[in-house]
PDB file of N, CA and C in Angstrom:
ATOM      1  N   MET A   1     -12.292  13.494  -6.477  1.00  0.00           N
ATOM      2  CA  MET A   1     -12.129  12.082  -6.745  1.00  0.00           C
ATOM      3  C   MET A   1     -10.652  11.797  -7.022  1.00  0.00           C
ATOM      4  N   ALA A   2     -10.119  10.720  -6.452  1.00  0.00           N
ATOM      5  CA  ALA A   2      -8.717  10.362  -6.627  1.00  0.00           C
ATOM      6  C   ALA A   2      -8.464   9.868  -8.045  1.00  0.00           C
ATOM      7  N   PRO A   3      -7.257  10.114  -8.559  1.00  0.00           N
ATOM      8  CA  PRO A   3      -6.954   9.642  -9.910  1.00  0.00           C
ATOM      9  C   PRO A   3      -6.916   8.123  -9.949  1.00  0.00           C
ATOM     10  N   GLU A   4      -7.262   7.559 -11.079  1.00  0.00           N
ATOM     11  CA  GLU A   4      -7.276   6.116 -11.266  1.00  0.00           C
ATOM     12  C   GLU A   4      -5.846   5.625 -11.472  1.00  0.00           C
ATOM     13  N   LEU A   5      -5.480   4.564 -10.769  1.00  0.00           N
ATOM     14  CA  LEU A   5      -4.175   3.952 -10.957  1.00  0.00           C
ATOM     15  C   LEU A   5      -4.198   3.198 -12.275  1.00  0.00           C
ATOM     16  N   VAL A   6      -3.202   3.398 -13.091  1.00  0.00           N
ATOM     17  CA  VAL A   6      -3.121   2.692 -14.366  1.00  0.00           C
ATOM     18  C   VAL A   6      -1.781   1.989 -14.446  1.00  0.00           C
ATOM     19  N   VAL A   7      -1.806   0.672 -14.645  1.00  0.00           N
ATOM     20  CA  VAL A   7      -0.602  -0.123 -14.801  1.00  0.00           C
ATOM     21  C   VAL A   7      -0.464  -0.434 -16.280  1.00  0.00           C
ATOM     22  N   VAL A   8       0.647  -0.040 -16.882  1.00  0.00           N
ATOM     23  CA  VAL A   8       0.837  -0.214 -18.321  1.00  0.00           C
ATOM     24  C   VAL A   8       1.926  -1.245 -18.564  1.00  0.00           C
ATOM     25  N   CYS A   9       1.622  -2.236 -19.389  1.00  0.00           N
ATOM     26  CA  CYS A   9       2.600  -3.249 -19.770  1.00  0.00           C
ATOM     27  C   CYS A   9       2.608  -3.366 -21.278  1.00  0.00           C
ATOM     28  N   GLY A  10       3.749  -3.340 -21.872  1.00  0.00           N
ATOM     29  CA  GLY A  10       3.836  -3.484 -23.324  1.00  0.00           C
ATOM     30  C   GLY A  10       4.549  -4.766 -23.699  1.00  0.00           C
ATOM     31  N   PHE A  11       3.939  -5.595 -24.493  1.00  0.00           N
ATOM     32  CA  PHE A  11       4.548  -6.812 -25.012  1.00  0.00           C
ATOM     33  C   PHE A  11       4.397  -6.773 -26.517  1.00  0.00           C
ATOM     34  N   GLY A  12       5.531  -6.707 -27.227  1.00  0.00           N
ATOM     35  CA  GLY A  12       5.471  -6.585 -28.675  1.00  0.00           C
ATOM     36  C   GLY A  12       4.865  -5.247 -29.030  1.00  0.00           C
ATOM     37  N   SER A  13       3.904  -5.253 -29.941  1.00  0.00           N
ATOM     38  CA  SER A  13       3.269  -3.999 -30.348  1.00  0.00           C
ATOM     39  C   SER A  13       2.003  -3.715 -29.551  1.00  0.00           C
ATOM     40  N   ALA A  14       1.538  -4.703 -28.755  1.00  0.00           N
ATOM     41  CA  ALA A  14       0.306  -4.523 -27.983  1.00  0.00           C
ATOM     42  C   ALA A  14       0.600  -3.767 -26.691  1.00  0.00           C
ATOM     43  N   LEU A  15      -0.377  -3.034 -26.208  1.00  0.00           N
ATOM     44  CA  LEU A  15      -0.250  -2.290 -24.969  1.00  0.00           C
ATOM     45  C   LEU A  15      -1.424  -2.664 -24.073  1.00  0.00           C
ATOM     46  N   PHE A  16      -1.122  -3.195 -22.882  1.00  0.00           N
ATOM     47  CA  PHE A  16      -2.156  -3.623 -21.950  1.00  0.00           C
ATOM     48  C   PHE A  16      -2.183  -2.657 -20.775  1.00  0.00           C
ATOM     49  N   VAL A  17      -3.355  -2.270 -20.352  1.00  0.00           N
ATOM     50  CA  VAL A  17      -3.505  -1.343 -19.238  1.00  0.00           C
ATOM     51  C   VAL A  17      -4.387  -1.993 -18.181  1.00  0.00           C
ATOM     52  N   MET A  18      -3.895  -2.022 -16.936  1.00  0.00           N
ATOM     53  CA  MET A  18      -4.694  -2.522 -15.828  1.00  0.00           C
ATOM     54  C   MET A  18      -5.006  -1.339 -14.917  1.00  0.00           C
ATOM     55  N   THR A  19      -6.276  -1.047 -14.740  1.00  0.00           N
ATOM     56  CA  THR A  19      -6.678   0.044 -13.857  1.00  0.00           C
ATOM     57  C   THR A  19      -6.741  -0.452 -12.417  1.00  0.00           C
ATOM     58  N   LYS A  20      -6.874   0.469 -11.484  1.00  0.00           N
ATOM     59  CA  LYS A  20      -7.005   0.104 -10.079  1.00  0.00           C
ATOM     60  C   LYS A  20      -8.232  -0.777  -9.878  1.00  0.00           C
ATOM     61  N   SER A  21      -9.328  -0.469 -10.555  1.00  0.00           N
ATOM     62  CA  SER A  21     -10.553  -1.270 -10.439  1.00  0.00           C
ATOM     63  C   SER A  21     -10.332  -2.699 -10.907  1.00  0.00           C
ATOM     64  N   GLU A  22      -9.597  -2.861 -12.008  1.00  0.00           N
ATOM     65  CA  GLU A  22      -9.318  -4.211 -12.514  1.00  0.00           C
ATOM     66  C   GLU A  22      -8.386  -4.969 -11.570  1.00  0.00           C
ATOM     67  N   LEU A  23      -7.436  -4.275 -10.973  1.00  0.00           N
ATOM     68  CA  LEU A  23      -6.551  -4.896  -9.997  1.00  0.00           C
ATOM     69  C   LEU A  23      -7.363  -5.406  -8.811  1.00  0.00           C
ATOM     70  N   ILE A  24      -8.267  -4.584  -8.311  1.00  0.00           N
ATOM     71  CA  ILE A  24      -9.124  -4.973  -7.190  1.00  0.00           C
ATOM     72  C   ILE A  24      -9.973  -6.181  -7.572  1.00  0.00           C
ATOM     73  N   GLU A  25     -10.532  -6.170  -8.766  1.00  0.00           N
ATOM     74  CA  GLU A  25     -11.365  -7.280  -9.242  1.00  0.00           C
ATOM     75  C   GLU A  25     -10.568  -8.583  -9.293  1.00  0.00           C
ATOM     76  N   ARG A  26      -9.358  -8.532  -9.822  1.00  0.00           N
ATOM     77  CA  ARG A  26      -8.521  -9.743  -9.902  1.00  0.00           C
ATOM     78  C   ARG A  26      -8.176 -10.274  -8.518  1.00  0.00           C
ATOM     79  N   LEU A  27      -7.830  -9.373  -7.612  1.00  0.00           N
ATOM     80  CA  LEU A  27      -7.507  -9.798  -6.251  1.00  0.00           C
ATOM     81  C   LEU A  27      -8.725 -10.403  -5.562  1.00  0.00           C
ATOM     82  N   ALA A  28      -9.887  -9.794  -5.740  1.00  0.00           N
ATOM     83  CA  ALA A  28     -11.118 -10.293  -5.120  1.00  0.00           C
ATOM     84  C   ALA A  28     -11.471 -11.680  -5.650  1.00  0.00           C
ATOM     85  N   GLN A  29     -11.231 -11.926  -6.931  1.00  0.00           N
ATOM     86  CA  GLN A  29     -11.517 -13.241  -7.518  1.00  0.00           C
ATOM     87  C   GLN A  29     -10.601 -14.315  -6.944  1.00  0.00           C
ATOM     88  N   ARG A  30      -9.377 -13.950  -6.596  1.00  0.00           N
ATOM     89  CA  ARG A  30      -8.417 -14.921  -6.058  1.00  0.00           C
ATOM     90  C   ARG A  30      -8.622 -15.193  -4.573  1.00  0.00           C
ATOM     91  N   GLN A  31      -9.304 -14.304  -3.879  1.00  0.00           N
ATOM     92  CA  GLN A  31      -9.499 -14.439  -2.436  1.00  0.00           C
ATOM     93  C   GLN A  31     -10.976 -14.600  -2.113  1.00  0.00           C
ATOM     94  N   ALA A  32     -11.452 -15.820  -2.144  1.00  0.00           N
ATOM     95  CA  ALA A  32     -12.875 -16.094  -1.921  1.00  0.00           C
ATOM     96  C   ALA A  32     -13.328 -15.721  -0.506  1.00  0.00           C
ATOM     97  N   LEU A  33     -12.411 -15.710   0.451  1.00  0.00           N
ATOM     98  CA  LEU A  33     -12.776 -15.407   1.836  1.00  0.00           C
ATOM     99  C   LEU A  33     -12.933 -13.911   2.096  1.00  0.00           C
ATOM    100  N   LEU A  34     -12.486 -13.088   1.162  1.00  0.00           N
ATOM    101  CA  LEU A  34     -12.601 -11.640   1.324  1.00  0.00           C
ATOM    102  C   LEU A  34     -13.642 -11.086   0.366  1.00  0.00           C
ATOM    103  N   SER A  35     -14.434 -10.151   0.854  1.00  0.00           N
ATOM    104  CA  SER A  35     -15.424  -9.516  -0.018  1.00  0.00           C
ATOM    105  C   SER A  35     -14.724  -8.518  -0.940  1.00  0.00           C
ATOM    106  N   TYR A  36     -15.406  -8.154  -2.006  1.00  0.00           N
ATOM    107  CA  TYR A  36     -14.882  -7.158  -2.940  1.00  0.00           C
ATOM    108  C   TYR A  36     -14.578  -5.861  -2.193  1.00  0.00           C
ATOM    109  N   ARG A  37     -15.485  -5.462  -1.289  1.00  0.00           N
ATOM    110  CA  ARG A  37     -15.314  -4.215  -0.524  1.00  0.00           C
ATOM    111  C   ARG A  37     -14.063  -4.259   0.356  1.00  0.00           C
ATOM    112  N   ASP A  38     -13.805  -5.437   0.967  1.00  0.00           N
ATOM    113  CA  ASP A  38     -12.613  -5.573   1.806  1.00  0.00           C
ATOM    114  C   ASP A  38     -11.337  -5.432   0.973  1.00  0.00           C
ATOM    115  N   VAL A  39     -11.322  -6.075  -0.193  1.00  0.00           N
ATOM    116  CA  VAL A  39     -10.161  -5.988  -1.082  1.00  0.00           C
ATOM    117  C   VAL A  39      -9.989  -4.551  -1.562  1.00  0.00           C
ATOM    118  N   GLU A  40     -11.088  -3.914  -1.933  1.00  0.00           N
ATOM    119  CA  GLU A  40     -11.048  -2.526  -2.401  1.00  0.00           C
ATOM    120  C   GLU A  40     -10.463  -1.612  -1.321  1.00  0.00           C
ATOM    121  N   LEU A  41     -10.921  -1.778  -0.092  1.00  0.00           N
ATOM    122  CA  LEU A  41     -10.426  -0.968   1.020  1.00  0.00           C
ATOM    123  C   LEU A  41      -8.939  -1.220   1.255  1.00  0.00           C
ATOM    124  N   ALA A  42      -8.524  -2.491   1.214  1.00  0.00           N
ATOM    125  CA  ALA A  42      -7.120  -2.828   1.436  1.00  0.00           C
ATOM    126  C   ALA A  42      -6.224  -2.195   0.371  1.00  0.00           C
ATOM    127  N   VAL A  43      -6.629  -2.271  -0.895  1.00  0.00           N
ATOM    128  CA  VAL A  43      -5.828  -1.692  -1.981  1.00  0.00           C
ATOM    129  C   VAL A  43      -5.754  -0.177  -1.825  1.00  0.00           C
ATOM    130  N   LYS A  44      -6.886   0.457  -1.550  1.00  0.00           N
ATOM    131  CA  LYS A  44      -6.894   1.914  -1.393  1.00  0.00           C
ATOM    132  C   LYS A  44      -6.035   2.354  -0.209  1.00  0.00           C
ATOM    133  N   MET A  45      -6.110   1.615   0.901  1.00  0.00           N
ATOM    134  CA  MET A  45      -5.302   1.949   2.075  1.00  0.00           C
ATOM    135  C   MET A  45      -3.817   1.752   1.787  1.00  0.00           C
ATOM    136  N   LEU A  46      -3.474   0.668   1.099  1.00  0.00           N
ATOM    137  CA  LEU A  46      -2.082   0.406   0.745  1.00  0.00           C
ATOM    138  C   LEU A  46      -1.518   1.545  -0.099  1.00  0.00           C
ATOM    139  N   LEU A  47      -2.260   1.953  -1.113  1.00  0.00           N
ATOM    140  CA  LEU A  47      -1.804   3.036  -1.984  1.00  0.00           C
ATOM    141  C   LEU A  47      -1.700   4.361  -1.233  1.00  0.00           C
ATOM    142  N   GLU A  48      -2.635   4.612  -0.336  1.00  0.00           N
ATOM    143  CA  GLU A  48      -2.610   5.854   0.441  1.00  0.00           C
ATOM    144  C   GLU A  48      -1.402   5.891   1.382  1.00  0.00           C
ATOM    145  N   VAL A  49      -1.152   4.782   2.083  1.00  0.00           N
ATOM    146  CA  VAL A  49      -0.020   4.727   3.011  1.00  0.00           C
ATOM    147  C   VAL A  49       1.298   4.864   2.250  1.00  0.00           C
ATOM    148  N   MET A  50       1.399   4.213   1.098  1.00  0.00           N
ATOM    149  CA  MET A  50       2.615   4.323   0.289  1.00  0.00           C
ATOM    150  C   MET A  50       2.798   5.750  -0.223  1.00  0.00           C
ATOM    151  N   SER A  51       1.716   6.377  -0.664  1.00  0.00           N
ATOM    152  CA  SER A  51       1.783   7.759  -1.151  1.00  0.00           C
ATOM    153  C   SER A  51       2.225   8.708  -0.045  1.00  0.00           C
ATOM    154  N   GLN A  52       1.662   8.530   1.144  1.00  0.00           N
ATOM    155  CA  GLN A  52       2.036   9.379   2.277  1.00  0.00           C
ATOM    156  C   GLN A  52       3.506   9.202   2.640  1.00  0.00           C
ATOM    157  N   ALA A  53       3.973   7.957   2.645  1.00  0.00           N
ATOM    158  CA  ALA A  53       5.372   7.688   2.986  1.00  0.00           C
ATOM    159  C   ALA A  53       6.307   8.368   1.986  1.00  0.00           C
ATOM    160  N   LEU A  54       6.007   8.249   0.707  1.00  0.00           N
ATOM    161  CA  LEU A  54       6.842   8.899  -0.307  1.00  0.00           C
ATOM    162  C   LEU A  54       6.790  10.416  -0.173  1.00  0.00           C
ATOM    163  N   ALA A  55       5.608  10.959   0.085  1.00  0.00           N
ATOM    164  CA  ALA A  55       5.460  12.410   0.235  1.00  0.00           C
ATOM    165  C   ALA A  55       6.278  12.930   1.415  1.00  0.00           C
ATOM    166  N   GLN A  56       6.523  12.067   2.412  1.00  0.00           N
ATOM    167  CA  GLN A  56       7.324  12.451   3.575  1.00  0.00           C
ATOM    168  C   GLN A  56       8.804  12.118   3.385  1.00  0.00           C
ATOM    169  N   GLY A  57       9.167  11.682   2.174  1.00  0.00           N
ATOM    170  CA  GLY A  57      10.567  11.412   1.870  1.00  0.00           C
ATOM    171  C   GLY A  57      11.055  10.034   2.259  1.00  0.00           C
ATOM    172  N   GLU A  58      10.150   9.148   2.629  1.00  0.00           N
ATOM    173  CA  GLU A  58      10.551   7.802   3.027  1.00  0.00           C
ATOM    174  C   GLU A  58      10.762   6.910   1.806  1.00  0.00           C
ATOM    175  N   ARG A  59      11.575   5.887   1.987  1.00  0.00           N
ATOM    176  CA  ARG A  59      11.810   4.874   0.958  1.00  0.00           C
ATOM    177  C   ARG A  59      10.976   3.656   1.321  1.00  0.00           C
ATOM    178  N   ILE A  60      10.374   3.016   0.320  1.00  0.00           N
ATOM    179  CA  ILE A  60       9.552   1.827   0.544  1.00  0.00           C
ATOM    180  C   ILE A  60      10.224   0.655  -0.151  1.00  0.00           C
ATOM    181  N   GLU A  61      10.494  -0.405   0.605  1.00  0.00           N
ATOM    182  CA  GLU A  61      11.134  -1.583   0.027  1.00  0.00           C
ATOM    183  C   GLU A  61      10.249  -2.798   0.237  1.00  0.00           C
ATOM    184  N   ILE A  62       9.909  -3.472  -0.857  1.00  0.00           N
ATOM    185  CA  ILE A  62       9.113  -4.694  -0.809  1.00  0.00           C
ATOM    186  C   ILE A  62       9.992  -5.800  -1.384  1.00  0.00           C
ATOM    187  N   ARG A  63      10.535  -6.639  -0.518  1.00  0.00           N
ATOM    188  CA  ARG A  63      11.480  -7.685  -0.934  1.00  0.00           C
ATOM    189  C   ARG A  63      10.880  -8.558  -2.033  1.00  0.00           C
ATOM    190  N   GLY A  64      11.668  -8.822  -3.055  1.00  0.00           N
ATOM    191  CA  GLY A  64      11.235  -9.655  -4.172  1.00  0.00           C
ATOM    192  C   GLY A  64      10.422  -8.908  -5.211  1.00  0.00           C
ATOM    193  N   PHE A  65       9.991  -7.699  -4.890  1.00  0.00           N
ATOM    194  CA  PHE A  65       9.190  -6.913  -5.829  1.00  0.00           C
ATOM    195  C   PHE A  65       9.957  -5.690  -6.307  1.00  0.00           C
ATOM    196  N   GLY A  66      10.366  -4.840  -5.368  1.00  0.00           N
ATOM    197  CA  GLY A  66      11.120  -3.649  -5.744  1.00  0.00           C
ATOM    198  C   GLY A  66      11.057  -2.587  -4.665  1.00  0.00           C
ATOM    199  N   SER A  67      11.606  -1.425  -4.996  1.00  0.00           N
ATOM    200  CA  SER A  67      11.608  -0.333  -4.027  1.00  0.00           C
ATOM    201  C   SER A  67      11.144   0.958  -4.681  1.00  0.00           C
ATOM    202  N   PHE A  68      10.498   1.769  -3.872  1.00  0.00           N
ATOM    203  CA  PHE A  68      10.009   3.081  -4.287  1.00  0.00           C
ATOM    204  C   PHE A  68      10.812   4.124  -3.522  1.00  0.00           C
ATOM    205  N   SER A  69      11.262   5.140  -4.220  1.00  0.00           N
ATOM    206  CA  SER A  69      12.013   6.212  -3.578  1.00  0.00           C
ATOM    207  C   SER A  69      11.763   7.503  -4.349  1.00  0.00           C
ATOM    208  N   LEU A  70      12.409   8.556  -3.899  1.00  0.00           N
ATOM    209  CA  LEU A  70      12.298   9.843  -4.586  1.00  0.00           C
ATOM    210  C   LEU A  70      13.631  10.179  -5.235  1.00  0.00           C
ATOM    211  N   HIS A  71      13.582  10.708  -6.435  1.00  0.00           N
ATOM    212  CA  HIS A  71      14.778  11.209  -7.116  1.00  0.00           C
ATOM    213  C   HIS A  71      14.663  12.722  -7.236  1.00  0.00           C
ATOM    214  N   TYR A  72      15.764  13.395  -6.950  1.00  0.00           N
ATOM    215  CA  TYR A  72      15.803  14.852  -7.015  1.00  0.00           C
ATOM    216  C   TYR A  72      16.079  15.300  -8.440  1.00  0.00           C
ATOM    217  N   ARG A  73      15.318  16.246  -8.903  1.00  0.00           N
ATOM    218  CA  ARG A  73      15.538  16.870 -10.214  1.00  0.00           C
ATOM    219  C   ARG A  73      15.917  18.326  -9.953  1.00  0.00           C
ATOM    220  N   PRO A  74      17.151  18.719 -10.297  1.00  0.00           N
ATOM    221  CA  PRO A  74      17.587  20.099 -10.036  1.00  0.00           C
ATOM    222  C   PRO A  74      16.861  21.098 -10.936  1.00  0.00           C
ATOM    223  N   PRO A  75      16.921  22.380 -10.568  1.00  0.00           N
ATOM    224  CA  PRO A  75      16.280  23.389 -11.428  1.00  0.00           C
ATOM    225  C   PRO A  75      16.950  23.400 -12.800  1.00  0.00           C
ATOM    226  N   ARG A  76      16.168  23.706 -13.809  1.00  0.00           N
ATOM    227  CA  ARG A  76      16.709  23.729 -15.168  1.00  0.00           C
ATOM    228  C   ARG A  76      15.906  24.698 -16.010  1.00  0.00           C
ATOM    229  N   SER A  77      16.355  24.885 -17.210  1.00  0.00           N
ATOM    230  CA  SER A  77      15.653  25.762 -18.136  1.00  0.00           C
ATOM    231  C   SER A  77      14.898  24.902 -19.141  1.00  0.00           C
ATOM    232  N   GLY A  78      13.627  25.214 -19.331  1.00  0.00           N
ATOM    233  CA  GLY A  78      12.809  24.511 -20.313  1.00  0.00           C
ATOM    234  C   GLY A  78      12.389  25.462 -21.413  1.00  0.00           C
ATOM    235  N   ARG A  79      11.577  24.996 -22.302  1.00  0.00           N
ATOM    236  CA  ARG A  79      11.093  25.822 -23.417  1.00  0.00           C
ATOM    237  C   ARG A  79       9.579  25.758 -23.490  1.00  0.00           C
ATOM    238  N   ASN A  80       8.966  26.907 -23.747  1.00  0.00           N
ATOM    239  CA  ASN A  80       7.538  26.963 -24.022  1.00  0.00           C
ATOM    240  C   ASN A  80       7.363  26.431 -25.448  1.00  0.00           C
ATOM    241  N   PRO A  81       6.635  25.309 -25.637  1.00  0.00           N
ATOM    242  CA  PRO A  81       6.531  24.727 -26.974  1.00  0.00           C
ATOM    243  C   PRO A  81       5.809  25.628 -27.981  1.00  0.00           C
ATOM    244  N   LYS A  82       4.968  26.505 -27.479  1.00  0.00           N
ATOM    245  CA  LYS A  82       4.204  27.382 -28.375  1.00  0.00           C
ATOM    246  C   LYS A  82       5.045  28.562 -28.873  1.00  0.00           C
ATOM    247  N   THR A  83       5.794  29.179 -27.939  1.00  0.00           N
ATOM    248  CA  THR A  83       6.544  30.390 -28.300  1.00  0.00           C
ATOM    249  C   THR A  83       8.042  30.149 -28.471  1.00  0.00           C
ATOM    250  N   GLY A  84       8.544  29.058 -27.886  1.00  0.00           N
ATOM    251  CA  GLY A  84       9.979  28.799 -27.943  1.00  0.00           C
ATOM    252  C   GLY A  84      10.770  29.555 -26.900  1.00  0.00           C
ATOM    253  N   ASP A  85      10.096  30.366 -26.078  1.00  0.00           N
ATOM    254  CA  ASP A  85      10.770  31.138 -25.034  1.00  0.00           C
ATOM    255  C   ASP A  85      11.305  30.213 -23.941  1.00  0.00           C
ATOM    256  N   ALA A  86      12.441  30.595 -23.356  1.00  0.00           N
ATOM    257  CA  ALA A  86      13.004  29.861 -22.227  1.00  0.00           C
ATOM    258  C   ALA A  86      12.111  30.065 -21.005  1.00  0.00           C
ATOM    259  N   VAL A  87      11.891  28.982 -20.277  1.00  0.00           N
ATOM    260  CA  VAL A  87      11.061  29.017 -19.071  1.00  0.00           C
ATOM    261  C   VAL A  87      11.854  28.357 -17.945  1.00  0.00           C
ATOM    262  N   PRO A  88      12.056  29.064 -16.821  1.00  0.00           N
ATOM    263  CA  PRO A  88      12.777  28.433 -15.711  1.00  0.00           C
ATOM    264  C   PRO A  88      11.888  27.389 -15.023  1.00  0.00           C
ATOM    265  N   LEU A  89      12.434  26.206 -14.823  1.00  0.00           N
ATOM    266  CA  LEU A  89      11.716  25.138 -14.128  1.00  0.00           C
ATOM    267  C   LEU A  89      12.383  24.925 -12.776  1.00  0.00           C
ATOM    268  N   SER A  90      11.588  24.901 -11.722  1.00  0.00           N
ATOM    269  CA  SER A  90      12.137  24.758 -10.378  1.00  0.00           C
ATOM    270  C   SER A  90      12.517  23.303 -10.107  1.00  0.00           C
ATOM    271  N   SER A  91      13.292  23.121  -9.053  1.00  0.00           N
ATOM    272  CA  SER A  91      13.692  21.774  -8.653  1.00  0.00           C
ATOM    273  C   SER A  91      12.474  21.035  -8.111  1.00  0.00           C
ATOM    274  N   LYS A  92      12.559  19.712  -8.132  1.00  0.00           N
ATOM    275  CA  LYS A  92      11.453  18.913  -7.604  1.00  0.00           C
ATOM    276  C   LYS A  92      11.924  17.498  -7.326  1.00  0.00           C
ATOM    277  N   TYR A  93      11.131  16.789  -6.566  1.00  0.00           N
ATOM    278  CA  TYR A  93      11.359  15.373  -6.312  1.00  0.00           C
ATOM    279  C   TYR A  93      10.313  14.592  -7.097  1.00  0.00           C
ATOM    280  N   VAL A  94      10.756  13.510  -7.731  1.00  0.00           N
ATOM    281  CA  VAL A  94       9.833  12.680  -8.504  1.00  0.00           C
ATOM    282  C   VAL A  94       9.893  11.248  -7.976  1.00  0.00           C
ATOM    283  N   PRO A  95       8.747  10.558  -7.920  1.00  0.00           N
ATOM    284  CA  PRO A  95       8.744   9.163  -7.478  1.00  0.00           C
ATOM    285  C   PRO A  95       9.525   8.290  -8.462  1.00  0.00           C
ATOM    286  N   HIS A  96      10.221   7.308  -7.908  1.00  0.00           N
ATOM    287  CA  HIS A  96      11.017   6.390  -8.728  1.00  0.00           C
ATOM    288  C   HIS A  96      10.781   4.967  -8.232  1.00  0.00           C
ATOM    289  N   PHE A  97      10.624   4.022  -9.170  1.00  0.00           N
ATOM    290  CA  PHE A  97      10.469   2.610  -8.818  1.00  0.00           C
ATOM    291  C   PHE A  97      11.635   1.834  -9.395  1.00  0.00           C
ATOM    292  N   LYS A  98      12.276   1.035  -8.556  1.00  0.00           N
ATOM    293  CA  LYS A  98      13.353   0.159  -9.013  1.00  0.00           C
ATOM    294  C   LYS A  98      12.907  -1.279  -8.774  1.00  0.00           C
ATOM    295  N   PRO A  99      12.666  -2.030  -9.853  1.00  0.00           N
ATOM    296  CA  PRO A  99      12.212  -3.412  -9.676  1.00  0.00           C
ATOM    297  C   PRO A  99      13.298  -4.271  -9.036  1.00  0.00           C
ATOM    298  N   GLY A 100      12.867  -5.216  -8.198  1.00  0.00           N
ATOM    299  CA  GLY A 100      13.793  -6.144  -7.567  1.00  0.00           C
ATOM    300  C   GLY A 100      14.215  -7.232  -8.539  1.00  0.00           C
ATOM    301  N   LYS A 101      15.245  -7.969  -8.162  1.00  0.00           N
ATOM    302  CA  LYS A 101      15.796  -9.016  -9.026  1.00  0.00           C
ATOM    303  C   LYS A 101      14.737 -10.058  -9.387  1.00  0.00           C
ATOM    304  N   GLU A 102      13.976 -10.505  -8.396  1.00  0.00           N
ATOM    305  CA  GLU A 102      12.954 -11.535  -8.645  1.00  0.00           C
ATOM    306  C   GLU A 102      11.905 -11.046  -9.642  1.00  0.00           C
ATOM    307  N   LEU A 103      11.448  -9.817  -9.493  1.00  0.00           N
ATOM    308  CA  LEU A 103      10.457  -9.259 -10.419  1.00  0.00           C
ATOM    309  C   LEU A 103      11.050  -9.127 -11.823  1.00  0.00           C
ATOM    310  N   ARG A 104      12.274  -8.638 -11.919  1.00  0.00           N
ATOM    311  CA  ARG A 104      12.919  -8.504 -13.237  1.00  0.00           C
ATOM    312  C   ARG A 104      13.022  -9.852 -13.938  1.00  0.00           C
ATOM    313  N   GLU A 105      13.395 -10.888 -13.184  1.00  0.00           N
ATOM    314  CA  GLU A 105      13.534 -12.223 -13.770  1.00  0.00           C
ATOM    315  C   GLU A 105      12.183 -12.783 -14.210  1.00  0.00           C
ATOM    316  N   ARG A 106      11.154 -12.578 -13.405  1.00  0.00           N
ATOM    317  CA  ARG A 106       9.815 -13.080 -13.764  1.00  0.00           C
ATOM    318  C   ARG A 106       9.286 -12.393 -15.011  1.00  0.00           C
ATOM    319  N   VAL A 107       9.496 -11.090 -15.102  1.00  0.00           N
ATOM    320  CA  VAL A 107       9.048 -10.339 -16.278  1.00  0.00           C
ATOM    321  C   VAL A 107       9.818 -10.808 -17.509  1.00  0.00           C
ATOM    322  N   ASP A 108      11.113 -11.029 -17.344  1.00  0.00           N
ATOM    323  CA  ASP A 108      11.944 -11.477 -18.465  1.00  0.00           C
ATOM    324  C   ASP A 108      11.478 -12.840 -18.983  1.00  0.00           C
ATOM    325  N   ARG A 109      11.061 -13.721 -18.066  1.00  0.00           N
ATOM    326  CA  ARG A 109      10.582 -15.052 -18.462  1.00  0.00           C
ATOM    327  C   ARG A 109       9.121 -15.036 -18.896  1.00  0.00           C
ATOM    328  N   GLY A 110       8.421 -13.930 -18.662  1.00  0.00           N
ATOM    329  CA  GLY A 110       6.995 -13.865 -18.978  1.00  0.00           C
ATOM    330  C   GLY A 110       6.173 -14.730 -18.042  1.00  0.00           C
ATOM    331  N   GLU A 111       6.667 -14.917 -16.831  1.00  0.00           N
ATOM    332  CA  GLU A 111       6.049 -15.807 -15.855  1.00  0.00           C
ATOM    333  C   GLU A 111       4.955 -15.098 -15.073  1.00  0.00           C
ATOM    334  N   SER A 112       3.846 -15.797 -14.861  1.00  0.00           N
ATOM    335  CA  SER A 112       2.777 -15.248 -14.019  1.00  0.00           C
ATOM    336  C   SER A 112       2.778 -15.980 -12.689  1.00  0.00           C
ATOM    337  N   ILE A 113       1.978 -15.481 -11.763  1.00  0.00           N
ATOM    338  CA  ILE A 113       1.903 -16.083 -10.423  1.00  0.00           C
ATOM    339  C   ILE A 113       1.138 -17.381 -10.492  1.00  0.00           C
TER     340      ILE A 113
END
């Protein structure tokens, strides 16, 4: 089973979490012409295509929203928290999201769609 997408937003001391299921539900409520199943399939396909593109090293740019890319993390030395021993950590690529100007401004204003 695929992991559940969790969107976390913090305002003040409260923490709000939107799961993939809740995202699908909200989209389905806004689109009366599409069935819940159609919206669910579209969201799952979108996430799968984006995941595949990132896994292949591609950059994804969505104008007005932001861009997804990979950042390289060089090899480094870490510590085993239990024993304190040094542990070599290999290099890796990690997904990175950079919000676009429009999204940053909307979040700053607390504006919804």
